Amino acid sequence: MMDFSQFSGFVLFLTVFTMGFWLMIFLITFVIPYWIVGYLREEWKYRKMERENDTIEE
């Protein structure tokens, strides 16, 4: 049987572990794809602007 200090430590461990788990799920499913898609869209926009400027100058 666990005494109170072991139980409270176990509950604290489960709380931290669960928060970390859901944070990783959130980062992997939302934040990282959002950064990647935003970077690719911005890069595509700048390359399109460069191509338009090159055709205007020629």
PDB file of N, CA and C in Angstrom:
ATOM      1  N   MET A   1       0.843  -1.187   0.000  1.00  0.00           N
ATOM      2  CA  MET A   1       0.000   0.000   0.000  1.00  0.00           C
ATOM      3  C   MET A   1       0.886   1.247   0.000  1.00  0.00           C
ATOM      4  N   MET A   2       0.458   2.263  -0.736  1.00  0.00           N
ATOM      5  CA  MET A   2       1.234   3.507  -0.814  1.00  0.00           C
ATOM      6  C   MET A   2       0.825   4.449   0.313  1.00  0.00           C
ATOM      7  N   ASP A   3       1.793   5.159   0.847  1.00  0.00           N
ATOM      8  CA  ASP A   3       1.437   6.205   1.793  1.00  0.00           C
ATOM      9  C   ASP A   3       1.149   7.498   1.015  1.00  0.00           C
ATOM     10  N   PHE A   4       0.798   8.539   1.735  1.00  0.00           N
ATOM     11  CA  PHE A   4       0.311   9.751   1.072  1.00  0.00           C
ATOM     12  C   PHE A   4       1.378  10.418   0.215  1.00  0.00           C
ATOM     13  N   SER A   5       2.630  10.454   0.655  1.00  0.00           N
ATOM     14  CA  SER A   5       3.675  11.132  -0.123  1.00  0.00           C
ATOM     15  C   SER A   5       3.953  10.387  -1.430  1.00  0.00           C
ATOM     16  N   GLN A   6       3.926   9.061  -1.397  1.00  0.00           N
ATOM     17  CA  GLN A   6       4.102   8.304  -2.634  1.00  0.00           C
ATOM     18  C   GLN A   6       2.930   8.542  -3.577  1.00  0.00           C
ATOM     19  N   PHE A   7       1.726   8.546  -3.022  1.00  0.00           N
ATOM     20  CA  PHE A   7       0.541   8.770  -3.843  1.00  0.00           C
ATOM     21  C   PHE A   7       0.552  10.158  -4.478  1.00  0.00           C
ATOM     22  N   SER A   8       0.904  11.170  -3.703  1.00  0.00           N
ATOM     23  CA  SER A   8       0.931  12.528  -4.257  1.00  0.00           C
ATOM     24  C   SER A   8       2.032  12.664  -5.303  1.00  0.00           C
ATOM     25  N   GLY A   9       3.162  12.011  -5.107  1.00  0.00           N
ATOM     26  CA  GLY A   9       4.205  12.025  -6.126  1.00  0.00           C
ATOM     27  C   GLY A   9       3.765  11.330  -7.394  1.00  0.00           C
ATOM     28  N   PHE A  10       3.059  10.223  -7.239  1.00  0.00           N
ATOM     29  CA  PHE A  10       2.544   9.494  -8.401  1.00  0.00           C
ATOM     30  C   PHE A  10       1.522  10.329  -9.168  1.00  0.00           C
ATOM     31  N   VAL A  11       0.636  10.993  -8.451  1.00  0.00           N
ATOM     32  CA  VAL A  11      -0.362  11.853  -9.097  1.00  0.00           C
ATOM     33  C   VAL A  11       0.321  13.016  -9.804  1.00  0.00           C
ATOM     34  N   LEU A  12       1.332  13.598  -9.189  1.00  0.00           N
ATOM     35  CA  LEU A  12       2.077  14.682  -9.824  1.00  0.00           C
ATOM     36  C   LEU A  12       2.777  14.190 -11.087  1.00  0.00           C
ATOM     37  N   PHE A  13       3.380  13.008 -11.025  1.00  0.00           N
ATOM     38  CA  PHE A  13       4.022  12.434 -12.205  1.00  0.00           C
ATOM     39  C   PHE A  13       3.005  12.218 -13.319  1.00  0.00           C
ATOM     40  N   LEU A  14       1.860  11.638 -13.001  1.00  0.00           N
ATOM     41  CA  LEU A  14       0.837  11.411 -14.026  1.00  0.00           C
ATOM     42  C   LEU A  14       0.346  12.725 -14.626  1.00  0.00           C
ATOM     43  N   THR A  15       0.215  13.756 -13.802  1.00  0.00           N
ATOM     44  CA  THR A  15      -0.231  15.056 -14.298  1.00  0.00           C
ATOM     45  C   THR A  15       0.774  15.632 -15.283  1.00  0.00           C
ATOM     46  N   VAL A  16       2.040  15.634 -14.922  1.00  0.00           N
ATOM     47  CA  VAL A  16       3.078  16.182 -15.801  1.00  0.00           C
ATOM     48  C   VAL A  16       3.191  15.353 -17.073  1.00  0.00           C
ATOM     49  N   PHE A  17       3.158  14.039 -16.941  1.00  0.00           N
ATOM     50  CA  PHE A  17       3.257  13.161 -18.104  1.00  0.00           C
ATOM     51  C   PHE A  17       2.083  13.374 -19.054  1.00  0.00           C
ATOM     52  N   THR A  18       0.875  13.489 -18.512  1.00  0.00           N
ATOM     53  CA  THR A  18      -0.307  13.690 -19.345  1.00  0.00           C
ATOM     54  C   THR A  18      -0.265  15.047 -20.037  1.00  0.00           C
ATOM     55  N   MET A  19       0.158  16.081 -19.321  1.00  0.00           N
ATOM     56  CA  MET A  19       0.259  17.401 -19.944  1.00  0.00           C
ATOM     57  C   MET A  19       1.288  17.394 -21.067  1.00  0.00           C
ATOM     58  N   GLY A  20       2.417  16.744 -20.849  1.00  0.00           N
ATOM     59  CA  GLY A  20       3.429  16.643 -21.893  1.00  0.00           C
ATOM     60  C   GLY A  20       2.937  15.862 -23.087  1.00  0.00           C
ATOM     61  N   PHE A  21       2.196  14.795 -22.837  1.00  0.00           N
ATOM     62  CA  PHE A  21       1.653  13.986 -23.927  1.00  0.00           C
ATOM     63  C   PHE A  21       0.722  14.811 -24.805  1.00  0.00           C
ATOM     64  N   TRP A  22      -0.226  15.507 -24.197  1.00  0.00           N
ATOM     65  CA  TRP A  22      -1.176  16.283 -24.992  1.00  0.00           C
ATOM     66  C   TRP A  22      -0.505  17.481 -25.654  1.00  0.00           C
ATOM     67  N   LEU A  23       0.517  18.047 -25.024  1.00  0.00           N
ATOM     68  CA  LEU A  23       1.261  19.129 -25.660  1.00  0.00           C
ATOM     69  C   LEU A  23       1.968  18.628 -26.908  1.00  0.00           C
ATOM     70  N   MET A  24       2.573  17.452 -26.845  1.00  0.00           N
ATOM     71  CA  MET A  24       3.238  16.890 -28.023  1.00  0.00           C
ATOM     72  C   MET A  24       2.232  16.578 -29.123  1.00  0.00           C
ATOM     73  N   ILE A  25       1.070  16.040 -28.763  1.00  0.00           N
ATOM     74  CA  ILE A  25       0.034  15.770 -29.765  1.00  0.00           C
ATOM     75  C   ILE A  25      -0.378  17.076 -30.432  1.00  0.00           C
ATOM     76  N   PHE A  26      -0.594  18.124 -29.647  1.00  0.00           N
ATOM     77  CA  PHE A  26      -0.981  19.422 -30.198  1.00  0.00           C
ATOM     78  C   PHE A  26       0.101  19.972 -31.117  1.00  0.00           C
ATOM     79  N   LEU A  27       1.367  19.893 -30.693  1.00  0.00           N
ATOM     80  CA  LEU A  27       2.453  20.421 -31.517  1.00  0.00           C
ATOM     81  C   LEU A  27       2.582  19.652 -32.825  1.00  0.00           C
ATOM     82  N   ILE A  28       2.488  18.337 -32.760  1.00  0.00           N
ATOM     83  CA  ILE A  28       2.678  17.523 -33.960  1.00  0.00           C
ATOM     84  C   ILE A  28       1.521  17.692 -34.934  1.00  0.00           C
ATOM     85  N   THR A  29       0.297  17.837 -34.441  1.00  0.00           N
ATOM     86  CA  THR A  29      -0.850  17.872 -35.348  1.00  0.00           C
ATOM     87  C   THR A  29      -1.218  19.276 -35.815  1.00  0.00           C
ATOM     88  N   PHE A  30      -0.906  20.317 -35.060  1.00  0.00           N
ATOM     89  CA  PHE A  30      -1.342  21.655 -35.444  1.00  0.00           C
ATOM     90  C   PHE A  30      -0.196  22.634 -35.678  1.00  0.00           C
ATOM     91  N   VAL A  31       0.678  22.791 -34.720  1.00  0.00           N
ATOM     92  CA  VAL A  31       1.658  23.875 -34.759  1.00  0.00           C
ATOM     93  C   VAL A  31       2.711  23.639 -35.832  1.00  0.00           C
ATOM     94  N   ILE A  32       3.314  22.466 -35.853  1.00  0.00           N
ATOM     95  CA  ILE A  32       4.384  22.206 -36.819  1.00  0.00           C
ATOM     96  C   ILE A  32       3.867  22.231 -38.255  1.00  0.00           C
ATOM     97  N   PRO A  33       2.726  21.583 -38.579  1.00  0.00           N
ATOM     98  CA  PRO A  33       2.208  21.730 -39.949  1.00  0.00           C
ATOM     99  C   PRO A  33       1.857  23.181 -40.297  1.00  0.00           C
ATOM    100  N   TYR A  34       1.370  23.958 -39.325  1.00  0.00           N
ATOM    101  CA  TYR A  34       1.056  25.361 -39.578  1.00  0.00           C
ATOM    102  C   TYR A  34       2.319  26.129 -39.951  1.00  0.00           C
ATOM    103  N   TRP A  35       3.429  25.893 -39.244  1.00  0.00           N
ATOM    104  CA  TRP A  35       4.694  26.552 -39.570  1.00  0.00           C
ATOM    105  C   TRP A  35       5.184  26.137 -40.948  1.00  0.00           C
ATOM    106  N   ILE A  36       5.109  24.850 -41.251  1.00  0.00           N
ATOM    107  CA  ILE A  36       5.618  24.359 -42.536  1.00  0.00           C
ATOM    108  C   ILE A  36       4.793  24.919 -43.685  1.00  0.00           C
ATOM    109  N   VAL A  37       3.478  24.874 -43.578  1.00  0.00           N
ATOM    110  CA  VAL A  37       2.616  25.388 -44.650  1.00  0.00           C
ATOM    111  C   VAL A  37       2.807  26.891 -44.805  1.00  0.00           C
ATOM    112  N   GLY A  38       2.916  27.619 -43.715  1.00  0.00           N
ATOM    113  CA  GLY A  38       3.141  29.060 -43.797  1.00  0.00           C
ATOM    114  C   GLY A  38       4.461  29.395 -44.458  1.00  0.00           C
ATOM    115  N   TYR A  39       5.505  28.651 -44.127  1.00  0.00           N
ATOM    116  CA  TYR A  39       6.809  28.876 -44.750  1.00  0.00           C
ATOM    117  C   TYR A  39       6.746  28.604 -46.248  1.00  0.00           C
ATOM    118  N   LEU A  40       6.116  27.499 -46.633  1.00  0.00           N
ATOM    119  CA  LEU A  40       6.048  27.155 -48.056  1.00  0.00           C
ATOM    120  C   LEU A  40       5.226  28.169 -48.842  1.00  0.00           C
ATOM    121  N   ARG A  41       4.115  28.645 -48.277  1.00  0.00           N
ATOM    122  CA  ARG A  41       3.305  29.652 -48.974  1.00  0.00           C
ATOM    123  C   ARG A  41       4.084  30.957 -49.157  1.00  0.00           C
ATOM    124  N   GLU A  42       4.789  31.369 -48.108  1.00  0.00           N
ATOM    125  CA  GLU A  42       5.557  32.609 -48.189  1.00  0.00           C
ATOM    126  C   GLU A  42       6.694  32.477 -49.201  1.00  0.00           C
ATOM    127  N   GLU A  43       7.364  31.340 -49.189  1.00  0.00           N
ATOM    128  CA  GLU A  43       8.447  31.106 -50.145  1.00  0.00           C
ATOM    129  C   GLU A  43       7.920  31.112 -51.580  1.00  0.00           C
ATOM    130  N   TRP A  44       6.766  30.499 -51.791  1.00  0.00           N
ATOM    131  CA  TRP A  44       6.153  30.468 -53.125  1.00  0.00           C
ATOM    132  C   TRP A  44       5.777  31.884 -53.572  1.00  0.00           C
ATOM    133  N   LYS A  45       5.264  32.693 -52.641  1.00  0.00           N
ATOM    134  CA  LYS A  45       4.879  34.066 -52.963  1.00  0.00           C
ATOM    135  C   LYS A  45       6.103  34.890 -53.365  1.00  0.00           C
ATOM    136  N   TYR A  46       7.216  34.746 -52.611  1.00  0.00           N
ATOM    137  CA  TYR A  46       8.421  35.508 -52.940  1.00  0.00           C
ATOM    138  C   TYR A  46       9.023  35.073 -54.269  1.00  0.00           C
ATOM    139  N   ARG A  47       9.003  33.775 -54.546  1.00  0.00           N
ATOM    140  CA  ARG A  47       9.532  33.308 -55.831  1.00  0.00           C
ATOM    141  C   ARG A  47       8.673  33.815 -56.982  1.00  0.00           C
ATOM    142  N   LYS A  48       7.365  33.860 -56.786  1.00  0.00           N
ATOM    143  CA  LYS A  48       6.465  34.387 -57.810  1.00  0.00           C
ATOM    144  C   LYS A  48       6.744  35.872 -58.038  1.00  0.00           C
ATOM    145  N   MET A  49       6.966  36.623 -56.965  1.00  0.00           N
ATOM    146  CA  MET A  49       7.274  38.046 -57.111  1.00  0.00           C
ATOM    147  C   MET A  49       8.602  38.242 -57.838  1.00  0.00           C
ATOM    148  N   GLU A  50       9.603  37.406 -57.543  1.00  0.00           N
ATOM    149  CA  GLU A  50      10.895  37.512 -58.228  1.00  0.00           C
ATOM    150  C   GLU A  50      10.749  37.227 -59.712  1.00  0.00           C
ATOM    151  N   ARG A  51       9.955  36.210 -60.060  1.00  0.00           N
ATOM    152  CA  ARG A  51       9.752  35.899 -61.476  1.00  0.00           C
ATOM    153  C   ARG A  51       9.046  37.049 -62.190  1.00  0.00           C
ATOM    154  N   GLU A  52       8.067  37.661 -61.534  1.00  0.00           N
ATOM    155  CA  GLU A  52       7.365  38.785 -62.153  1.00  0.00           C
ATOM    156  C   GLU A  52       8.299  39.977 -62.331  1.00  0.00           C
ATOM    157  N   ASN A  53       9.171  40.229 -61.366  1.00  0.00           N
ATOM    158  CA  ASN A  53      10.119  41.340 -61.479  1.00  0.00           C
ATOM    159  C   ASN A  53      11.148  41.074 -62.568  1.00  0.00           C
ATOM    160  N   ASP A  54      11.568  39.820 -62.724  1.00  0.00           N
ATOM    161  CA  ASP A  54      12.525  39.487 -63.779  1.00  0.00           C
ATOM    162  C   ASP A  54      11.913  39.685 -65.156  1.00  0.00           C
ATOM    163  N   THR A  55      10.647  39.349 -65.337  1.00  0.00           N
ATOM    164  CA  THR A  55      10.017  39.506 -66.651  1.00  0.00           C
ATOM    165  C   THR A  55       9.752  40.979 -66.952  1.00  0.00           C
ATOM    166  N   ILE A  56       9.503  41.793 -65.931  1.00  0.00           N
ATOM    167  CA  ILE A  56       9.271  43.222 -66.155  1.00  0.00           C
ATOM    168  C   ILE A  56      10.569  43.916 -66.556  1.00  0.00           C
ATOM    169  N   GLU A  57      11.692  43.551 -65.926  1.00  0.00           N
ATOM    170  CA  GLU A  57      12.970  44.205 -66.208  1.00  0.00           C
ATOM    171  C   GLU A  57      13.505  43.859 -67.588  1.00  0.00           C
ATOM    172  N   GLU A  58      13.157  42.719 -68.132  1.00  0.00           N
ATOM    173  CA  GLU A  58      13.707  42.314 -69.431  1.00  0.00           C
ATOM    174  C   GLU A  58      13.038  42.977 -70.579  1.00  0.00           C
TER     175      GLU A  58
END
